[in-house]
Amino acid sequence: MKIRARKFDGRCARHKNYSPAVDGFSGIRGGCARCNLLFEIWEASLRLNALIRKFDPNHDDLERPVEKAPVVDPRQMSLIAE
């Protein structure tokens, strides 16, 4: 699960295949507390994304800023020194 720039790779020790995005709340077996926490974290991330889009509809977090490549690669040694 990825929340903005933070990646959260949490798994339940007993139910390693549980994924809140795929299985939902009904996929939690036996009322497992850790699976419930994973589901709450996932729901909170959805609410956070919705609030950010509501606050700034033009915000595009999917596109990464492009850095310009240097004209001369600083790692490359010059055979003709200036």
N, C-alpha and C. Protein backbone atom coordinates (compact mmCIF):
# COMPACT_ATOMS: atom_id res chain seq x y z
N MET A 1 0.85 -1.15 0.00
CA MET A 1 0.00 0.00 0.00
C MET A 1 0.90 1.23 0.00
N LYS A 2 0.57 2.21 -0.85
CA LYS A 2 1.36 3.42 -0.93
C LYS A 2 0.48 4.61 -0.58
N ILE A 3 0.96 5.40 0.36
CA ILE A 3 0.24 6.61 0.77
C ILE A 3 1.12 7.79 0.43
N ARG A 4 0.74 8.48 -0.64
CA ARG A 4 1.52 9.62 -1.14
C ARG A 4 2.96 9.20 -1.37
N ALA A 5 3.90 9.91 -0.78
CA ALA A 5 5.31 9.60 -1.02
C ALA A 5 5.81 8.52 -0.06
N ARG A 6 4.98 8.12 0.87
CA ARG A 6 5.40 7.10 1.82
C ARG A 6 4.85 5.75 1.38
N LYS A 7 5.70 4.78 1.40
CA LYS A 7 5.26 3.43 1.07
C LYS A 7 5.15 2.65 2.37
N PHE A 8 4.02 2.06 2.57
CA PHE A 8 3.77 1.28 3.78
C PHE A 8 3.53 -0.15 3.36
N ASP A 9 4.44 -1.02 3.75
CA ASP A 9 4.33 -2.42 3.37
C ASP A 9 4.02 -3.23 4.62
N GLY A 10 2.79 -3.08 5.12
CA GLY A 10 2.39 -3.78 6.33
C GLY A 10 1.62 -5.04 5.98
N ARG A 11 1.90 -6.09 6.71
CA ARG A 11 1.20 -7.36 6.54
C ARG A 11 0.85 -7.92 7.91
N CYS A 12 -0.22 -8.66 7.96
CA CYS A 12 -0.59 -9.36 9.17
C CYS A 12 0.26 -10.63 9.25
N ALA A 13 0.76 -10.93 10.42
CA ALA A 13 1.62 -12.11 10.59
C ALA A 13 0.83 -13.40 10.36
N ARG A 14 -0.45 -13.41 10.72
CA ARG A 14 -1.26 -14.62 10.55
C ARG A 14 -1.89 -14.72 9.16
N HIS A 15 -2.29 -13.59 8.61
CA HIS A 15 -3.00 -13.58 7.32
C HIS A 15 -2.17 -12.80 6.31
N LYS A 16 -1.14 -13.41 5.82
CA LYS A 16 -0.18 -12.73 4.94
C LYS A 16 -0.78 -12.32 3.59
N ASN A 17 -1.83 -13.01 3.16
CA ASN A 17 -2.43 -12.73 1.86
C ASN A 17 -3.55 -11.69 1.92
N TYR A 18 -3.86 -11.16 3.11
CA TYR A 18 -4.93 -10.18 3.23
C TYR A 18 -4.49 -8.85 2.65
N SER A 19 -5.29 -8.32 1.75
CA SER A 19 -5.06 -7.01 1.17
C SER A 19 -6.34 -6.20 1.30
N PRO A 20 -6.32 -5.08 2.04
CA PRO A 20 -7.55 -4.31 2.24
C PRO A 20 -8.16 -3.80 0.94
N ALA A 21 -7.34 -3.45 -0.03
CA ALA A 21 -7.85 -2.92 -1.29
C ALA A 21 -8.59 -3.99 -2.08
N VAL A 22 -8.16 -5.22 -1.98
CA VAL A 22 -8.76 -6.32 -2.74
C VAL A 22 -9.86 -7.00 -1.95
N ASP A 23 -9.57 -7.35 -0.70
CA ASP A 23 -10.49 -8.16 0.11
C ASP A 23 -11.54 -7.34 0.84
N GLY A 24 -11.22 -6.10 1.16
CA GLY A 24 -12.17 -5.25 1.87
C GLY A 24 -12.34 -5.68 3.32
N PHE A 25 -13.37 -5.11 3.97
CA PHE A 25 -13.62 -5.41 5.37
C PHE A 25 -14.09 -6.85 5.55
N SER A 26 -14.84 -7.36 4.60
CA SER A 26 -15.38 -8.72 4.73
C SER A 26 -14.29 -9.79 4.59
N GLY A 27 -13.09 -9.43 4.14
CA GLY A 27 -12.02 -10.38 3.99
C GLY A 27 -11.25 -10.64 5.28
N ILE A 28 -11.58 -9.90 6.34
CA ILE A 28 -10.90 -10.08 7.62
C ILE A 28 -11.44 -11.34 8.28
N ARG A 29 -10.53 -12.23 8.63
CA ARG A 29 -10.93 -13.52 9.22
C ARG A 29 -10.85 -13.46 10.74
N GLY A 30 -11.92 -13.88 11.38
CA GLY A 30 -11.94 -14.02 12.83
C GLY A 30 -11.77 -12.73 13.60
N GLY A 31 -12.07 -11.61 13.00
CA GLY A 31 -11.94 -10.33 13.70
C GLY A 31 -10.51 -10.00 14.09
N CYS A 32 -9.55 -10.35 13.24
CA CYS A 32 -8.13 -10.14 13.50
C CYS A 32 -7.85 -8.64 13.71
N ALA A 33 -7.20 -8.33 14.82
CA ALA A 33 -6.94 -6.92 15.17
C ALA A 33 -5.97 -6.27 14.18
N ARG A 34 -4.93 -7.01 13.75
CA ARG A 34 -3.95 -6.43 12.82
C ARG A 34 -4.57 -6.21 11.45
N CYS A 35 -5.42 -7.11 11.00
CA CYS A 35 -6.10 -6.91 9.71
C CYS A 35 -7.05 -5.72 9.80
N ASN A 36 -7.71 -5.55 10.95
CA ASN A 36 -8.57 -4.38 11.14
C ASN A 36 -7.76 -3.09 11.06
N LEU A 37 -6.57 -3.08 11.66
CA LEU A 37 -5.72 -1.90 11.58
C LEU A 37 -5.28 -1.61 10.15
N LEU A 38 -4.92 -2.67 9.41
CA LEU A 38 -4.55 -2.47 8.00
C LEU A 38 -5.71 -1.87 7.21
N PHE A 39 -6.93 -2.35 7.47
CA PHE A 39 -8.10 -1.81 6.78
C PHE A 39 -8.33 -0.35 7.13
N GLU A 40 -8.14 0.01 8.41
CA GLU A 40 -8.31 1.41 8.83
C GLU A 40 -7.26 2.31 8.20
N ILE A 41 -6.02 1.83 8.11
CA ILE A 41 -4.96 2.61 7.46
C ILE A 41 -5.30 2.83 6.00
N TRP A 42 -5.78 1.81 5.33
CA TRP A 42 -6.14 1.92 3.91
C TRP A 42 -7.28 2.91 3.72
N GLU A 43 -8.32 2.82 4.60
CA GLU A 43 -9.44 3.77 4.51
C GLU A 43 -8.97 5.20 4.75
N ALA A 44 -8.08 5.39 5.71
CA ALA A 44 -7.56 6.74 6.00
C ALA A 44 -6.79 7.30 4.81
N SER A 45 -6.06 6.43 4.10
CA SER A 45 -5.33 6.90 2.93
C SER A 45 -6.28 7.34 1.83
N LEU A 46 -7.39 6.63 1.67
CA LEU A 46 -8.39 7.04 0.67
C LEU A 46 -9.01 8.38 1.04
N ARG A 47 -9.31 8.57 2.32
CA ARG A 47 -9.88 9.85 2.77
C ARG A 47 -8.88 10.98 2.58
N LEU A 48 -7.60 10.72 2.88
CA LEU A 48 -6.56 11.74 2.70
C LEU A 48 -6.46 12.15 1.24
N ASN A 49 -6.43 11.19 0.33
CA ASN A 49 -6.36 11.51 -1.10
C ASN A 49 -7.57 12.31 -1.55
N ALA A 50 -8.76 11.95 -1.07
CA ALA A 50 -9.96 12.69 -1.44
C ALA A 50 -9.92 14.12 -0.93
N LEU A 51 -9.44 14.31 0.29
CA LEU A 51 -9.35 15.66 0.85
C LEU A 51 -8.34 16.51 0.09
N ILE A 52 -7.22 15.93 -0.28
CA ILE A 52 -6.21 16.68 -1.04
C ILE A 52 -6.77 17.08 -2.40
N ARG A 53 -7.47 16.19 -3.06
CA ARG A 53 -8.07 16.53 -4.37
C ARG A 53 -9.18 17.56 -4.23
N LYS A 54 -9.90 17.53 -3.10
CA LYS A 54 -10.95 18.52 -2.86
C LYS A 54 -10.33 19.89 -2.60
N PHE A 55 -9.21 19.90 -1.87
CA PHE A 55 -8.52 21.15 -1.55
C PHE A 55 -7.89 21.76 -2.79
N ASP A 56 -7.23 20.94 -3.60
CA ASP A 56 -6.56 21.42 -4.81
C ASP A 56 -6.83 20.45 -5.95
N PRO A 57 -7.89 20.69 -6.72
CA PRO A 57 -8.24 19.76 -7.81
C PRO A 57 -7.17 19.66 -8.90
N ASN A 58 -6.31 20.68 -9.01
CA ASN A 58 -5.28 20.66 -10.06
C ASN A 58 -4.01 19.94 -9.61
N HIS A 59 -3.97 19.49 -8.36
CA HIS A 59 -2.78 18.81 -7.85
C HIS A 59 -2.62 17.46 -8.54
N ASP A 60 -1.46 17.25 -9.13
CA ASP A 60 -1.18 15.99 -9.82
C ASP A 60 0.00 15.33 -9.13
N ASP A 61 -0.29 14.36 -8.28
CA ASP A 61 0.78 13.70 -7.55
C ASP A 61 1.32 12.48 -8.28
N LEU A 62 0.75 12.16 -9.42
CA LEU A 62 1.21 11.00 -10.16
C LEU A 62 2.41 11.32 -11.04
N GLU A 63 2.53 12.59 -11.43
CA GLU A 63 3.62 13.00 -12.32
C GLU A 63 4.81 13.47 -11.48
N ARG A 64 5.93 12.82 -11.65
CA ARG A 64 7.12 13.19 -10.90
C ARG A 64 7.81 14.39 -11.56
N PRO A 65 8.41 15.26 -10.76
CA PRO A 65 9.13 16.39 -11.36
C PRO A 65 10.32 15.89 -12.17
N VAL A 66 10.50 16.50 -13.34
CA VAL A 66 11.57 16.08 -14.24
C VAL A 66 12.80 16.94 -13.98
N GLU A 67 13.91 16.28 -13.71
CA GLU A 67 15.16 17.00 -13.51
C GLU A 67 15.91 17.05 -14.83
N LYS A 68 16.44 18.22 -15.15
CA LYS A 68 17.20 18.36 -16.39
C LYS A 68 18.54 17.68 -16.25
N ALA A 69 18.93 16.96 -17.26
CA ALA A 69 20.23 16.28 -17.24
C ALA A 69 21.33 17.31 -17.47
N PRO A 70 22.45 17.20 -16.77
CA PRO A 70 23.54 18.16 -16.98
C PRO A 70 24.10 18.01 -18.39
N VAL A 71 24.59 19.14 -18.92
CA VAL A 71 25.15 19.14 -20.27
C VAL A 71 26.35 18.22 -20.33
N VAL A 72 27.21 18.30 -19.34
CA VAL A 72 28.39 17.45 -19.26
C VAL A 72 28.22 16.57 -18.03
N ASP A 73 28.38 15.30 -18.22
CA ASP A 73 28.25 14.37 -17.11
C ASP A 73 29.43 14.58 -16.16
N PRO A 74 29.18 14.96 -14.89
CA PRO A 74 30.28 15.23 -13.97
C PRO A 74 31.10 13.99 -13.63
N ARG A 75 30.59 12.81 -13.90
CA ARG A 75 31.35 11.59 -13.61
C ARG A 75 32.35 11.26 -14.71
N GLN A 76 32.15 11.85 -15.89
CA GLN A 76 33.02 11.55 -17.02
C GLN A 76 34.26 12.43 -16.98
N MET A 77 35.42 11.83 -17.04
CA MET A 77 36.67 12.60 -17.05
C MET A 77 36.90 13.14 -18.46
N SER A 78 37.44 14.31 -18.51
CA SER A 78 37.72 14.93 -19.79
C SER A 78 39.14 14.58 -20.22
N LEU A 79 39.29 14.19 -21.47
CA LEU A 79 40.62 13.92 -22.00
C LEU A 79 41.32 15.22 -22.40
N ILE A 80 40.51 16.23 -22.66
CA ILE A 80 41.05 17.54 -23.01
C ILE A 80 40.69 18.49 -21.86
N ALA A 81 41.61 18.67 -20.96
CA ALA A 81 41.35 19.52 -19.78
C ALA A 81 41.40 20.99 -20.20
N GLU A 82 40.60 21.75 -19.58
CA GLU A 82 40.56 23.18 -19.89
C GLU A 82 41.63 23.92 -19.14
